Amino acid sequence: MARRPLPRILSTGSTQIARSRELARAQLARSRELARTAGDSASDVLHPLITITRGLRRLASAGRRRWAETPKDKRGPLLFLVASVILVVALVPYGPLLAVITLMAAAAWQGRDRKPATPEGPDESQRERLRALYEALVPYFSTADDPEPLYTHGGSWEKAFEEFEFDGTGRISGLLIRYPAYFTDGEAQARARIEHLLTTKSGRGREYQFDWDEEGNELTVTVLAPLPTDIAAQRFVTAPGETVLGFTDPSRTQRTLPLTHGAQPRDVPPVVWRTGIRSTEPHLLVMGQPGSGTSTLLRSIALQALQYGDVVIVEGGSTGEYACLTGRDGVLAVECGLAGAVASMEWAATETERRLIAVNRARQAGNPPPDDTKRPLWLLLDRPTAFSHLAAADDRKDPQSLLQVPLRHGRAAGVTVVVAEQWDGLDALSDAVRQHTRARVVLGPATAQQLESVLGAPPHTTPVADIPPGRGYARLGTGPVHRLQVPATPDPYDDATSDAHRQAVLDLLPERTTPVEAEPLGKLDKQPEPAPVPAEAVVAKAVPAEAVVAKAVPAEPVAAKAVPAEAVVAETS
């Protein structure tokens, strides 16, 4: 049976539609080009008229200012002088024509473009800087076997540097470098040598971004602007399960958040960490030096987590960085000692198991999860390795060993673990913390080797030594490495905190409720202890004399042993 051919409208319809779209796009581009050309032509033709009109406006403004500055007692003679000049010009042959020509010339001179002419090409100092950079790249981008080398000693740098930009201080702010095709741009060590050289020759103390184009054999060097450090803690526009770690470059993310706290509202690109059941990175590890902002980041996370969940804080440094959260609504515990830390982590492990069992039973019965398992639980640990030595000396459990259950099953149970540690305690972190914290943040100064060991990948910029607190890098799972600036969330009880930042943090704190110590941790169900019986109850109960006699006399016949009445009375009394 022969197949019938498809109708022509079906077989060629998509081709015609695509062709019509291409024609419409070409016509639109052509019309835009014609409009742009017509605008440029009109601007060239009308440029003298625009210049004269601008000059007349400036002359009129100068005349009004001069008239306003003239005292009132001298305005009459000034008017008489102007009228005399006009009369003389009108009586002189060709006077009005010469006056109009003079006025137009003055207007053209006043209406000229006063912007300084941009010099074509770099000046002598900039050429010397580019020449020195070119000479420094010759040993890396040249070989003896190259018949037409692009880089030679004493060669021309114009062919190697196609585009370049300089800042106000005369240093290079942007550069497009061409390099030969035989350069090993696929090796990390070869790239690192070139990046280090460019950073040294272009100016230290700045962050550079290097974009390698292996297909076109081009390297683009860009000096990144510093991230804003004036962003204070505030309520960010996020959905439940989203936590703002900080802010990054506009080119690294397509999302922006509006900021309401500050002099003027603005939109900034954030680094958003998503937690919950569907999160691929449910736990976070923060590394940094003392004073780098790790505690600031944990306070920021705690203030955001208290909107939708409960928080348990364990502080190993015992510096009181989280005293402002003690007794707040949603804060289950703030522990600074070993006993409290162990008790909190034991309860967290038990609570995780309870949630898993409750959710499993509900799913087997075909019911939704219970309400007491839906509220997120956050475990924030600041320097937990400080308890390891104390636990070994006191023969107690290490709090890190109790994190295995929340780390492994926390995503299904709605439990999120955030661990902040310093570089000197990196080796003391347990294997469970290293394996299950796939979201990483590094704050403060760090070498390229330290960044790559924690983040799992090198950053796209060159790290600098002198950076403000809260600056660093963040990587969520296997994603790209982002520059990060943590919002300012200082301890409001610290005397060194500014009034604006202190008030911003105090406005975000929940209301203070009953202290945590007065309530059982996690509101666990316990058997009530029996109330003590008061001593007055025994005295108030009257005992008959016959019962006392029967209890005191053995089980022989009563007649066999006579008991005096005085003895019974004395015994009962």
Protein backbone atom coordinates (compact mmCIF):
# COMPACT_ATOMS: atom_id res chain seq x y z
CA MET A 1 0.00 0.00 0.00
CA ALA A 2 1.61 3.25 -1.15
CA ARG A 3 1.94 6.09 1.32
CA ARG A 4 0.33 9.36 0.50
CA PRO A 5 2.59 12.39 0.53
CA LEU A 6 1.99 14.94 3.28
CA PRO A 7 0.11 18.08 2.33
CA ARG A 8 2.27 20.89 1.11
CA ILE A 9 1.20 23.16 3.93
CA LEU A 10 2.49 20.62 6.46
CA SER A 11 5.74 19.78 4.73
CA THR A 12 6.76 23.33 3.89
CA GLY A 13 4.92 25.31 6.54
CA SER A 14 7.70 25.33 9.09
CA THR A 15 10.23 26.32 6.42
CA GLN A 16 8.06 29.20 5.25
CA ILE A 17 7.50 30.37 8.81
CA ALA A 18 11.22 30.32 9.56
CA ARG A 19 11.95 32.13 6.28
CA SER A 20 9.34 34.79 7.04
CA ARG A 21 10.81 35.29 10.50
CA GLU A 22 14.28 35.73 9.03
CA LEU A 23 12.94 38.23 6.46
CA ALA A 24 11.12 40.18 9.18
CA ARG A 25 14.23 40.21 11.33
CA ALA A 26 16.35 41.39 8.41
CA GLN A 27 13.85 44.13 7.56
CA LEU A 28 13.78 45.27 11.19
CA ALA A 29 17.57 45.42 11.30
CA ARG A 30 17.64 47.29 7.99
CA SER A 31 15.04 49.80 9.22
CA ARG A 32 17.02 50.36 12.42
CA GLU A 33 20.18 50.92 10.42
CA LEU A 34 18.38 53.39 8.14
CA ALA A 35 16.96 55.27 11.14
CA ARG A 36 20.38 55.41 12.75
CA THR A 37 21.95 56.65 9.50
CA ALA A 38 19.24 59.29 9.07
CA GLY A 39 19.73 60.46 12.64
CA ASP A 40 23.48 60.74 12.18
CA SER A 41 23.04 62.64 8.91
CA ALA A 42 20.53 65.04 10.47
CA SER A 43 22.85 65.59 13.40
CA ASP A 44 25.72 66.42 11.04
CA VAL A 45 23.58 68.83 8.98
CA LEU A 46 22.01 70.59 11.96
CA HIS A 47 25.17 70.66 14.07
CA PRO A 48 25.93 74.40 13.37
CA LEU A 49 22.35 75.37 14.24
CA ILE A 50 22.49 73.27 17.44
CA THR A 51 25.78 74.90 18.40
CA ILE A 52 24.49 78.47 17.81
CA THR A 53 21.27 77.75 19.73
CA ARG A 54 23.25 76.38 22.68
CA GLY A 55 25.51 79.47 22.59
CA LEU A 56 22.54 81.87 22.54
CA ARG A 57 21.07 80.08 25.53
CA ARG A 58 24.35 80.37 27.41
CA LEU A 59 24.66 84.09 26.52
CA ALA A 60 21.12 84.73 27.72
CA SER A 61 21.83 82.92 30.97
CA ALA A 62 25.00 84.98 31.47
CA GLY A 63 23.03 88.19 30.82
CA ARG A 64 20.38 87.26 33.37
CA ARG A 65 23.04 86.47 35.96
CA ARG A 66 24.79 89.79 35.30
CA TRP A 67 21.49 91.69 35.61
CA ALA A 68 20.68 89.89 38.89
CA GLU A 69 24.15 90.68 40.29
CA THR A 70 23.91 94.38 39.37
CA PRO A 71 22.75 96.63 42.28
CA LYS A 72 19.42 98.35 41.82
CA ASP A 73 20.94 101.84 41.93
CA LYS A 74 23.18 101.00 38.94
CA ARG A 75 20.61 99.32 36.71
CA GLY A 76 19.43 102.66 35.24
CA PRO A 77 22.86 103.73 33.93
CA LEU A 78 23.38 100.20 32.61
CA LEU A 79 20.13 100.35 30.64
CA PHE A 80 21.09 103.79 29.26
CA LEU A 81 24.49 102.44 28.15
CA VAL A 82 22.91 99.44 26.38
CA ALA A 83 20.36 101.63 24.64
CA SER A 84 23.14 104.00 23.48
CA VAL A 85 25.12 101.12 22.02
CA ILE A 86 22.07 99.81 20.18
CA LEU A 87 21.33 103.29 18.78
CA VAL A 88 24.91 103.75 17.57
CA VAL A 89 24.91 100.32 15.93
CA ALA A 90 21.62 101.08 14.21
CA LEU A 91 22.91 104.41 12.80
CA VAL A 92 26.25 103.06 11.55
CA PRO A 93 26.19 101.77 7.94
CA TYR A 94 25.89 97.99 7.87
CA GLY A 95 25.77 98.14 11.65
CA PRO A 96 22.82 95.73 12.19
CA LEU A 97 24.39 93.18 9.83
CA LEU A 98 27.73 93.38 11.60
CA ALA A 99 25.95 93.12 14.97
CA VAL A 100 24.14 89.96 13.91
CA ILE A 101 27.36 88.42 12.57
CA THR A 102 29.17 89.26 15.82
CA LEU A 103 26.33 87.82 17.88
CA MET A 104 26.32 84.60 15.87
CA ALA A 105 30.09 84.26 16.18
CA ALA A 106 29.91 84.78 19.94
CA ALA A 107 27.07 82.24 20.20
CA ALA A 108 29.03 79.71 18.15
CA TRP A 109 32.06 80.20 20.40
CA GLN A 110 30.00 79.85 23.57
CA GLY A 111 28.05 76.84 22.25
CA ARG A 112 31.07 74.77 21.26
CA ASP A 113 31.65 71.37 22.89
CA ARG A 114 33.90 72.12 25.85
CA LYS A 115 34.70 68.53 26.74
CA PRO A 116 38.41 67.82 26.56
CA ALA A 117 39.32 65.88 23.48
CA THR A 118 40.16 62.28 24.24
CA PRO A 119 43.66 61.49 23.10
CA GLU A 120 43.91 58.90 20.38
CA GLY A 121 45.82 55.98 21.83
CA PRO A 122 47.73 55.76 25.09
CA ASP A 123 50.10 58.41 26.32
CA GLU A 124 53.81 57.90 26.85
CA SER A 125 53.53 56.45 30.36
CA GLN A 126 50.81 54.04 29.28
CA ARG A 127 52.85 52.95 26.26
CA GLU A 128 55.80 52.29 28.55
CA ARG A 129 53.63 50.16 30.83
CA LEU A 130 52.27 48.13 27.89
CA ARG A 131 55.77 47.71 26.48
CA ALA A 132 57.07 46.42 29.81
CA LEU A 133 54.19 43.96 30.07
CA TYR A 134 54.85 42.77 26.52
CA GLU A 135 58.52 42.18 27.26
CA ALA A 136 57.60 40.21 30.40
CA LEU A 137 55.36 37.88 28.36
CA VAL A 138 58.01 37.11 25.72
CA PRO A 139 59.61 34.12 27.56
CA TYR A 140 56.19 32.49 28.01
CA PHE A 141 54.66 33.11 24.56
CA SER A 142 57.65 32.49 22.27
CA THR A 143 59.85 29.62 21.12
CA ALA A 144 63.02 29.46 19.08
CA ASP A 145 61.34 27.38 16.34
CA ASP A 146 58.61 29.92 15.57
CA PRO A 147 59.30 31.40 12.09
CA GLU A 148 57.01 34.40 12.67
CA PRO A 149 56.93 34.97 16.41
CA LEU A 150 54.24 37.21 17.84
CA TYR A 151 56.34 37.92 20.93
CA THR A 152 59.97 38.91 20.49
CA HIS A 153 62.31 41.09 22.52
CA GLY A 154 62.06 44.59 21.15
CA GLY A 155 58.98 43.72 19.11
CA SER A 156 55.75 45.64 18.64
CA TRP A 157 53.13 45.30 21.35
CA GLU A 158 50.32 46.68 19.15
CA LYS A 159 49.77 43.26 17.50
CA ALA A 160 49.62 41.41 20.83
CA PHE A 161 47.40 43.83 22.77
CA GLU A 162 44.34 44.54 20.65
CA GLU A 163 42.31 46.33 23.35
CA PHE A 164 43.37 48.03 26.55
CA GLU A 165 41.91 50.34 29.21
CA PHE A 166 43.46 52.40 32.00
CA ASP A 167 41.98 53.75 35.21
CA GLY A 168 42.46 57.19 36.73
CA THR A 169 45.73 56.18 38.40
CA GLY A 170 47.31 55.06 35.14
CA ARG A 171 47.13 51.33 35.87
CA ILE A 172 45.70 48.77 33.47
CA SER A 173 41.98 48.07 34.10
CA GLY A 174 41.23 45.98 31.00
CA LEU A 175 43.32 44.14 28.44
CA LEU A 176 42.77 41.79 25.50
CA ILE A 177 45.87 39.67 24.84
CA ARG A 178 46.52 37.51 21.79
CA TYR A 179 48.86 34.58 22.25
CA PRO A 180 50.25 31.92 19.85
CA ALA A 181 48.32 28.73 19.26
CA TYR A 182 51.10 26.47 20.55
CA PHE A 183 50.82 27.87 24.08
CA THR A 184 49.55 25.19 26.47
CA ASP A 185 46.45 27.06 27.61
CA GLY A 186 44.79 23.80 28.65
CA GLU A 187 47.23 23.22 31.53
CA ALA A 188 46.42 24.77 34.88
CA GLN A 189 50.07 25.43 35.74
CA ALA A 190 50.72 27.31 32.51
CA ARG A 191 47.65 29.46 33.08
CA ALA A 192 48.63 30.13 36.67
CA ARG A 193 52.05 31.42 35.62
CA ILE A 194 50.54 33.88 33.15
CA GLU A 195 47.88 35.05 35.62
CA HIS A 196 50.47 35.59 38.34
CA LEU A 197 52.68 37.58 35.96
CA LEU A 198 49.81 39.78 34.80
CA THR A 199 48.70 40.40 38.38
CA THR A 200 52.21 41.44 39.39
CA LYS A 201 52.88 43.70 36.40
CA SER A 202 49.43 45.31 36.24
CA GLY A 203 49.21 46.24 39.92
CA ARG A 204 48.83 44.37 43.19
CA GLY A 205 45.97 44.74 45.65
CA ARG A 206 43.22 44.32 43.04
CA GLU A 207 41.09 41.36 41.97
CA TYR A 208 41.54 40.27 38.36
CA GLN A 209 39.26 38.09 36.30
CA PHE A 210 40.84 36.02 33.51
CA ASP A 211 38.72 34.69 30.63
CA TRP A 212 40.60 32.25 28.40
CA ASP A 213 39.32 31.75 24.86
CA GLU A 214 41.09 28.57 23.73
CA GLU A 215 39.49 28.60 20.28
CA GLY A 216 40.45 32.17 19.45
CA ASN A 217 43.76 32.15 21.38
CA GLU A 218 42.79 35.26 23.31
CA LEU A 219 42.94 36.17 26.99
CA THR A 220 40.70 38.88 28.44
CA VAL A 221 41.92 40.51 31.67
CA THR A 222 39.39 42.51 33.68
CA VAL A 223 39.86 44.34 36.97
CA LEU A 224 36.80 43.70 39.14
CA ALA A 225 35.26 46.46 41.17
CA PRO A 226 35.13 45.82 44.94
CA LEU A 227 31.89 44.40 46.27
CA PRO A 228 29.73 46.74 48.38
CA THR A 229 30.37 46.53 52.11
CA ASP A 230 27.57 48.87 53.24
CA ILE A 231 24.76 46.29 53.02
CA ALA A 232 23.30 45.74 56.48
CA ALA A 233 21.12 42.91 57.77
CA GLN A 234 17.49 43.17 56.66
CA ARG A 235 14.51 41.14 55.51
CA PHE A 236 15.39 39.87 52.07
CA VAL A 237 12.72 39.06 49.51
CA THR A 238 13.12 35.29 49.41
CA ALA A 239 10.86 32.23 49.46
CA PRO A 240 10.75 29.69 52.33
CA GLY A 241 13.81 27.46 52.07
CA GLU A 242 16.01 30.17 50.53
CA THR A 243 18.84 31.74 52.50
CA VAL A 244 20.92 34.70 51.31
CA LEU A 245 24.58 34.02 52.05
CA GLY A 246 25.75 37.33 50.62
CA PHE A 247 26.13 39.28 47.41
CA THR A 248 28.30 38.79 44.34
CA ASP A 249 29.12 40.25 40.91
CA PRO A 250 26.29 41.09 38.49
CA SER A 251 27.85 38.94 35.79
CA ARG A 252 27.75 35.75 37.89
CA THR A 253 23.99 35.53 38.50
CA GLN A 254 20.79 36.54 36.73
CA ARG A 255 18.82 37.32 39.88
CA THR A 256 18.72 40.53 41.90
CA LEU A 257 17.21 41.40 45.26
CA PRO A 258 15.82 44.80 46.23
CA LEU A 259 17.40 46.38 49.28
CA THR A 260 15.26 48.57 51.50
CA HIS A 261 17.72 49.37 54.29
CA GLY A 262 20.01 52.23 53.36
CA ALA A 263 20.11 55.70 51.91
CA GLN A 264 18.44 54.73 48.64
CA PRO A 265 16.82 51.51 47.36
CA ARG A 266 18.82 49.45 44.90
CA ASP A 267 19.00 45.95 43.41
CA VAL A 268 22.00 43.72 44.04
CA PRO A 269 22.82 40.19 42.83
CA PRO A 270 22.69 37.66 45.70
CA VAL A 271 24.14 34.23 46.40
CA VAL A 272 21.08 32.19 47.42
CA TRP A 273 21.42 28.83 49.18
CA ARG A 274 18.37 26.57 48.90
CA THR A 275 17.63 24.06 51.65
CA GLY A 276 14.83 21.59 52.25
CA ILE A 277 13.72 18.19 50.97
CA ARG A 278 14.64 18.92 47.33
CA SER A 279 17.94 20.60 48.07
CA THR A 280 21.08 19.11 46.56
CA GLU A 281 23.30 20.83 49.14
CA PRO A 282 21.40 20.58 52.46
CA HIS A 283 24.34 21.43 54.77
CA LEU A 284 26.95 24.21 54.82
CA LEU A 285 30.60 24.48 55.89
CA VAL A 286 32.16 27.90 56.54
CA MET A 287 35.93 28.35 56.86
CA GLY A 288 37.93 31.43 57.75
CA GLN A 289 40.45 33.11 59.99
CA PRO A 290 39.60 34.87 63.27
CA GLY A 291 37.87 38.14 62.45
CA SER A 292 37.03 37.13 58.88
CA GLY A 293 33.25 37.16 59.44
CA THR A 294 32.29 33.51 60.05
CA SER A 295 30.24 34.39 63.15
CA THR A 296 28.64 37.24 61.21
CA LEU A 297 27.51 34.81 58.55
CA LEU A 298 26.06 32.43 61.17
CA ARG A 299 24.13 35.30 62.78
CA SER A 300 22.77 36.31 59.39
CA ILE A 301 21.67 32.74 58.69
CA ALA A 302 20.08 32.46 62.14
CA LEU A 303 18.03 35.63 61.68
CA GLN A 304 16.76 34.38 58.32
CA ALA A 305 16.05 30.87 59.61
CA LEU A 306 13.96 32.14 62.54
CA GLN A 307 11.34 33.37 60.10
CA TYR A 308 10.19 29.83 59.30
CA GLY A 309 11.96 27.43 61.69
CA ASP A 310 13.71 26.70 64.98
CA VAL A 311 17.40 27.17 65.75
CA VAL A 312 19.87 25.42 68.06
CA ILE A 313 23.22 27.20 68.46
CA VAL A 314 26.42 25.64 69.81
CA GLU A 315 29.33 28.01 70.29
CA GLY A 316 32.75 26.49 70.88
CA GLY A 317 34.61 29.77 71.23
CA SER A 318 32.67 30.79 74.37
CA THR A 319 32.87 34.47 73.40
CA GLY A 320 29.16 35.24 73.71
CA GLU A 321 28.68 36.09 70.04
CA TYR A 322 25.10 34.79 70.10
CA ALA A 323 23.90 36.11 73.47
CA CYS A 324 21.39 38.34 71.69
CA LEU A 325 19.50 35.21 70.56
CA THR A 326 19.13 33.65 74.01
CA GLY A 327 15.50 33.28 75.05
CA ARG A 328 14.11 34.44 71.71
CA ASP A 329 11.08 32.88 70.09
CA GLY A 330 12.24 29.93 67.97
CA VAL A 331 15.70 29.66 69.58
CA LEU A 332 15.66 26.30 71.36
CA ALA A 333 19.13 26.54 72.91
CA VAL A 334 22.33 28.61 72.89
CA GLU A 335 25.05 26.41 74.40
CA CYS A 336 28.61 27.46 75.22
CA GLY A 337 29.66 24.54 77.45
CA LEU A 338 30.54 20.93 76.74
CA ALA A 339 27.66 19.40 78.71
CA GLY A 340 25.07 21.60 77.03
CA ALA A 341 26.57 21.01 73.59
CA VAL A 342 26.48 17.23 74.03
CA ALA A 343 22.91 17.34 75.34
CA SER A 344 21.78 19.53 72.43
CA MET A 345 23.39 17.30 69.84
CA GLU A 346 21.94 14.15 71.44
CA TRP A 347 18.50 15.72 71.35
CA ALA A 348 19.05 16.78 67.72
CA ALA A 349 19.95 13.21 66.74
CA THR A 350 16.90 11.86 68.59
CA GLU A 351 14.66 14.50 67.02
CA THR A 352 15.95 13.61 63.55
CA GLU A 353 15.19 9.94 64.10
CA ARG A 354 11.73 10.78 65.47
CA ARG A 355 10.93 12.87 62.43
CA LEU A 356 12.10 10.14 60.07
CA ILE A 357 9.91 7.54 61.81
CA ALA A 358 6.87 9.83 61.84
CA VAL A 359 7.25 10.72 58.16
CA ASN A 360 7.76 7.07 57.21
CA ARG A 361 4.63 5.96 59.06
CA ALA A 362 2.58 8.73 57.50
CA ARG A 363 3.74 7.78 54.01
CA GLN A 364 3.02 4.11 54.55
CA ALA A 365 -0.50 5.04 55.67
CA GLY A 366 -0.96 7.33 52.69
CA ASN A 367 -1.22 10.44 54.83
CA PRO A 368 0.68 13.74 54.61
CA PRO A 369 3.63 14.24 56.96
CA PRO A 370 2.71 15.39 60.47
CA ASP A 371 2.79 19.07 61.22
CA ASP A 372 5.52 18.71 63.85
CA THR A 373 7.91 17.42 61.16
CA LYS A 374 7.37 20.24 58.65
CA ARG A 375 8.94 23.07 60.65
CA PRO A 376 12.62 23.33 59.71
CA LEU A 377 15.24 22.76 62.39
CA TRP A 378 18.62 24.48 62.09
CA LEU A 379 21.77 23.37 63.92
CA LEU A 380 24.38 26.14 63.91
CA LEU A 381 27.80 25.14 65.26
CA ASP A 382 30.56 27.71 65.63
CA ARG A 383 34.00 26.11 66.13
CA PRO A 384 32.82 22.64 67.24
CA THR A 385 36.39 21.31 67.25
CA ALA A 386 37.03 23.30 70.45
CA PHE A 387 34.98 20.67 72.32
CA SER A 388 36.97 17.71 70.97
CA HIS A 389 39.87 18.12 73.41
CA LEU A 390 37.52 18.85 76.31
CA ALA A 391 35.42 15.79 75.51
CA ALA A 392 38.50 13.54 75.40
CA ALA A 393 39.79 14.91 78.71
CA ASP A 394 36.39 14.60 80.44
CA ASP A 395 35.63 11.18 78.94
CA ARG A 396 32.53 12.45 77.15
CA LYS A 397 31.17 12.17 73.64
CA ASP A 398 32.49 14.52 71.01
CA PRO A 399 29.60 16.70 69.74
CA GLN A 400 30.85 16.10 66.19
CA SER A 401 30.21 12.36 66.55
CA LEU A 402 26.55 13.10 67.25
CA LEU A 403 26.17 15.01 63.98
CA GLN A 404 26.27 11.91 61.80
CA VAL A 405 22.51 11.28 61.96
CA PRO A 406 21.46 14.92 61.29
CA LEU A 407 24.00 15.22 58.49
CA ARG A 408 23.05 11.95 56.78
CA HIS A 409 19.26 12.11 57.21
CA GLY A 410 18.74 15.82 57.78
CA ARG A 411 17.41 16.59 54.32
CA ALA A 412 14.53 14.11 54.63
CA ALA A 413 13.77 15.20 58.20
CA GLY A 414 13.94 18.94 57.60
CA VAL A 415 17.15 19.39 59.63
CA THR A 416 19.91 21.69 58.32
CA VAL A 417 23.44 21.75 59.75
CA VAL A 418 25.77 24.75 59.42
CA VAL A 419 29.35 24.37 60.70
CA ALA A 420 31.78 27.30 60.98
CA GLU A 421 35.42 26.52 61.71
CA GLN A 422 38.80 28.23 61.57
CA TRP A 423 41.77 27.11 59.54
CA ASP A 424 43.63 25.72 62.53
CA GLY A 425 40.76 23.32 63.23
CA LEU A 426 40.26 22.08 59.67
CA ASP A 427 42.08 18.79 60.30
CA ALA A 428 40.00 18.16 63.44
CA LEU A 429 36.70 18.12 61.56
CA SER A 430 35.07 14.71 61.43
CA ASP A 431 34.63 12.74 58.24
CA ALA A 432 30.85 13.12 58.41
CA VAL A 433 31.16 16.91 58.37
CA ARG A 434 33.56 16.82 55.43
CA GLN A 435 31.46 14.43 53.36
CA HIS A 436 27.96 15.85 53.87
CA THR A 437 28.65 19.61 53.75
CA ARG A 438 28.69 20.13 50.00
CA ALA A 439 27.91 23.85 50.20
CA ARG A 440 31.13 25.67 51.09
CA VAL A 441 32.06 29.24 52.01
CA VAL A 442 35.59 30.59 52.61
CA LEU A 443 35.92 34.03 54.21
CA GLY A 444 38.97 36.16 54.80
CA PRO A 445 42.48 35.92 53.34
CA ALA A 446 43.36 32.49 51.93
CA THR A 447 45.82 31.08 49.46
CA ALA A 448 44.83 29.52 46.17
CA GLN A 449 45.65 26.05 47.54
CA GLN A 450 43.41 26.57 50.58
CA LEU A 451 40.55 27.80 48.43
CA GLU A 452 40.81 24.86 46.06
CA SER A 453 41.05 22.32 48.90
CA VAL A 454 37.85 23.59 50.55
CA LEU A 455 35.79 24.68 47.55
CA GLY A 456 36.90 21.85 45.28
CA ALA A 457 37.71 24.23 42.41
CA PRO A 458 39.90 27.31 42.00
CA PRO A 459 38.18 30.71 41.98
CA HIS A 460 37.77 32.66 38.77
CA THR A 461 39.54 35.66 40.28
CA THR A 462 42.87 36.23 41.97
CA PRO A 463 42.58 36.35 45.79
CA VAL A 464 44.07 39.35 47.55
CA ALA A 465 45.56 39.60 51.03
CA ASP A 466 43.90 42.78 52.29
CA ILE A 467 40.12 42.33 52.19
CA PRO A 468 37.33 43.61 54.48
CA PRO A 469 35.53 41.29 56.94
CA GLY A 470 32.85 39.16 55.35
CA ARG A 471 34.60 38.95 51.97
CA GLY A 472 35.36 35.59 50.44
CA TYR A 473 34.15 32.94 48.04
CA ALA A 474 31.18 30.58 47.95
CA ARG A 475 30.43 27.42 46.00
CA LEU A 476 27.19 25.45 46.20
CA GLY A 477 27.84 21.83 45.31
CA THR A 478 29.36 21.49 41.86
CA GLY A 479 28.37 24.98 40.74
CA PRO A 480 30.68 27.87 39.91
CA VAL A 481 32.75 29.74 42.48
CA HIS A 482 31.23 33.11 43.38
CA ARG A 483 32.77 36.13 45.00
CA LEU A 484 30.89 36.80 48.22
CA GLN A 485 30.27 39.71 50.55
CA VAL A 486 28.30 38.82 53.70
CA PRO A 487 25.77 41.44 54.87
CA ALA A 488 26.88 43.26 58.00
CA THR A 489 25.28 41.40 60.94
CA PRO A 490 27.39 42.27 64.00
CA ASP A 491 26.73 41.43 67.62
CA PRO A 492 24.37 44.18 68.85
CA TYR A 493 25.83 43.87 72.37
CA ASP A 494 29.33 44.72 71.14
CA ASP A 495 30.47 48.24 71.99
CA ALA A 496 32.38 48.54 68.71
CA THR A 497 29.18 48.12 66.66
CA SER A 498 27.78 51.20 64.97
CA ASP A 499 24.33 52.42 65.93
CA ALA A 500 22.87 51.81 62.47
CA HIS A 501 24.04 48.18 62.29
CA ARG A 502 23.04 47.54 65.91
CA GLN A 503 19.52 48.80 65.31
CA ALA A 504 19.26 46.80 62.07
CA VAL A 505 20.03 43.57 63.93
CA LEU A 506 17.75 44.40 66.87
CA ASP A 507 14.85 45.01 64.50
CA LEU A 508 15.23 41.48 63.11
CA LEU A 509 15.36 39.67 66.47
CA PRO A 510 12.19 37.78 67.47
CA GLU A 511 10.38 38.64 70.66
CA ARG A 512 11.93 37.44 73.89
CA THR A 513 9.97 34.60 75.51
CA THR A 514 10.59 32.24 78.45
CA PRO A 515 14.31 31.43 78.71
CA VAL A 516 15.31 28.15 77.14
CA GLU A 517 16.71 26.79 80.40
CA ALA A 518 13.25 26.95 82.01
CA GLU A 519 11.74 24.64 79.38
CA PRO A 520 12.74 21.07 78.48
CA LEU A 521 14.85 20.99 75.32
CA GLY A 522 12.66 20.34 72.35
CA LYS A 523 9.60 20.05 74.57
CA LEU A 524 10.17 16.31 74.90
CA ASP A 525 7.47 14.34 76.70
CA LYS A 526 8.64 13.22 80.14
CA GLN A 527 6.88 11.27 82.87
CA PRO A 528 5.78 13.60 85.67
CA GLU A 529 7.49 12.97 88.97
CA PRO A 530 5.23 12.03 91.93
CA ALA A 531 4.53 14.92 94.24
CA PRO A 532 6.00 14.54 97.76
CA VAL A 533 3.48 13.72 100.48
CA PRO A 534 3.40 16.40 103.18
CA ALA A 535 4.23 15.36 106.73
CA GLU A 536 1.01 16.84 108.09
CA ALA A 537 -1.06 14.21 106.25
CA VAL A 538 0.24 11.39 108.47
CA VAL A 539 -0.48 13.23 111.70
CA ALA A 540 -3.95 14.31 110.63
CA LYS A 541 -5.12 10.73 110.05
CA ALA A 542 -6.66 9.27 113.20
CA VAL A 543 -5.79 5.65 114.03
CA PRO A 544 -8.27 3.65 116.22
CA ALA A 545 -6.87 2.14 119.35
CA GLU A 546 -8.18 -1.32 118.44
CA ALA A 547 -6.23 -1.30 115.21
CA VAL A 548 -3.09 -0.34 117.03
CA VAL A 549 -3.57 -3.11 119.54
CA ALA A 550 -4.22 -5.64 116.79
CA LYS A 551 -1.09 -4.54 114.92
CA ALA A 552 1.11 -4.58 117.98
CA VAL A 553 -0.12 -7.93 119.43
CA PRO A 554 1.11 -11.10 117.69
CA ALA A 555 -1.25 -13.69 116.29
CA GLU A 556 -1.73 -15.61 119.58
CA PRO A 557 -4.95 -15.63 121.50
CA VAL A 558 -5.59 -12.42 123.25
CA ALA A 559 -6.19 -14.08 126.59
CA ALA A 560 -2.78 -15.75 126.53
CA LYS A 561 -0.92 -12.45 126.79
CA ALA A 562 -2.32 -9.51 128.66
CA VAL A 563 -1.35 -6.12 127.49
CA PRO A 564 -1.77 -3.22 129.90
CA ALA A 565 -3.81 -0.29 128.65
CA GLU A 566 -1.09 2.17 129.67
CA ALA A 567 1.39 0.49 127.32
CA VAL A 568 -1.01 0.72 124.39
CA VAL A 569 -1.60 4.38 125.04
CA ALA A 570 2.14 5.07 125.30
CA GLU A 571 2.87 3.17 122.07
CA THR A 572 0.19 5.00 120.10
CA SER A 573 1.35 8.34 121.35
